[in-house]
């Protein structure tokens, strides 16, 4: 189905059972989202749930985190979640503003960045701790509330729901014997800081960093550094995240339309394969923001991908980004309701190195990064290494039988439609942890063309 000028045109056909859909996100990190191919309605949250796993009995969507001022209302857990969500929106906006091109793709992990920065709240430098509190939106929370929320957020990712499919690893490489090494000693959990010799043996440091990434991700993430660090470096933060999960719904590879179109603007377009499904999904719309929102849940509906698709391919994304506030997000999520949706999602790849240091500095975290000032902070962090690669391909594990039949047409009178054929924003939301695993925007996806042998 394509949509232009208010007209919906449906296409595709055939039924059967094909490979699964996978999404891989690498950010110095990698995420792989696996889904089998088929068409079905949303079952109850417990249908695919392990009896040992806690399943949400309410609907703690991100709009609950985009609620009132986290310093004034709710439990400490709610305040922490609200602070985390606001930090996510802040960092997204900063990355957009600091991107090298106005149409650059953006991808980052708020949980991963927070995990790397939070231990520095205990550093002896008052300027550093104050700035990190402000950036992470913890300014008016007690130390106990912050520690409780941070611990719960990280522990949640080690829950049985994720089993061995999720790996969150972060570390701080510091110059041996430096003030950075002394100031961070004991702040991070065991094994999360490593003393190296940036000043005299950059080549060996390069090898060690890349080996650490390979070990922590089972070689799922490529080497993040191509060149040896400079001899002036004192500290480098590195985050690695790996996730593999299954969609609640299935997509049929036989329905994939190889000649789909993606519109960078109304005048600039290119061909890209479009995966097709007819699904019952939460769908909403905001006339004020001129954006549609769709929820694509994972198994057990504990984790979901939310896609925010502006109406206008030319100026819709920029307009939406200017208006991404907690209140507007809350209002947008309040419009979600289950609908039968004809869905098309491109098969694509995006490779991003977000300007994380520049973004954090713009948010007020200046004390730990090198400047031309004469002052020398106790911790001199030269960079926060962050690389992101996102792939959406039809590949992976077949975990349940296909339910589609040859008579199940894509596009039925009265159905809604949702075709991701122009720039959009997405994020992954964990219902139990009330946290954002990833957020990003896709402006120029690279088509993935499969050969007959794939």
Foldseek 3Di string as FASTA:
>chain_A
DDDDPRDDDDDFADDDFDFWKWKWKWKLAIEIETAGAFADEDDALCPQDDPVDDFDPDDQPLLLLLDDQLLPDDDLLSSLLVLLVQLVLLLQLLLCVPDPDNLAWDKDFSLLVCLQQVLCCPFPDPLQNCLSCLSSVNNNPDPVSNVVLNVLLVVVCCDVVQPPQKFKAKAKEFAPPALQCVRCVPSDPPPRYHHDQLQPCQPVVQVVQQVVSCVRVVNPDGRLDPDGHHNPAGMEMEIYIGHYFYWPHHWHPSRWDQQDWAPLAPVDIDGFIKTKYFYWWWKFADPVLQWIKTWTATRSRQKIKIKIGHPHQHCSVVSNSVVPHSVVVSVGVVGIDIFGEIEIDTFFKDKDFGQSVSSSVVSPNDLQDDDPDPDDHSHHYPYHRIIIMIGIDRHDDNDDDHDDDNPDDRDDPPGHYDYNRAKIKMWMAGNVSSHTRMIIIDSDTHHDDDDPVD
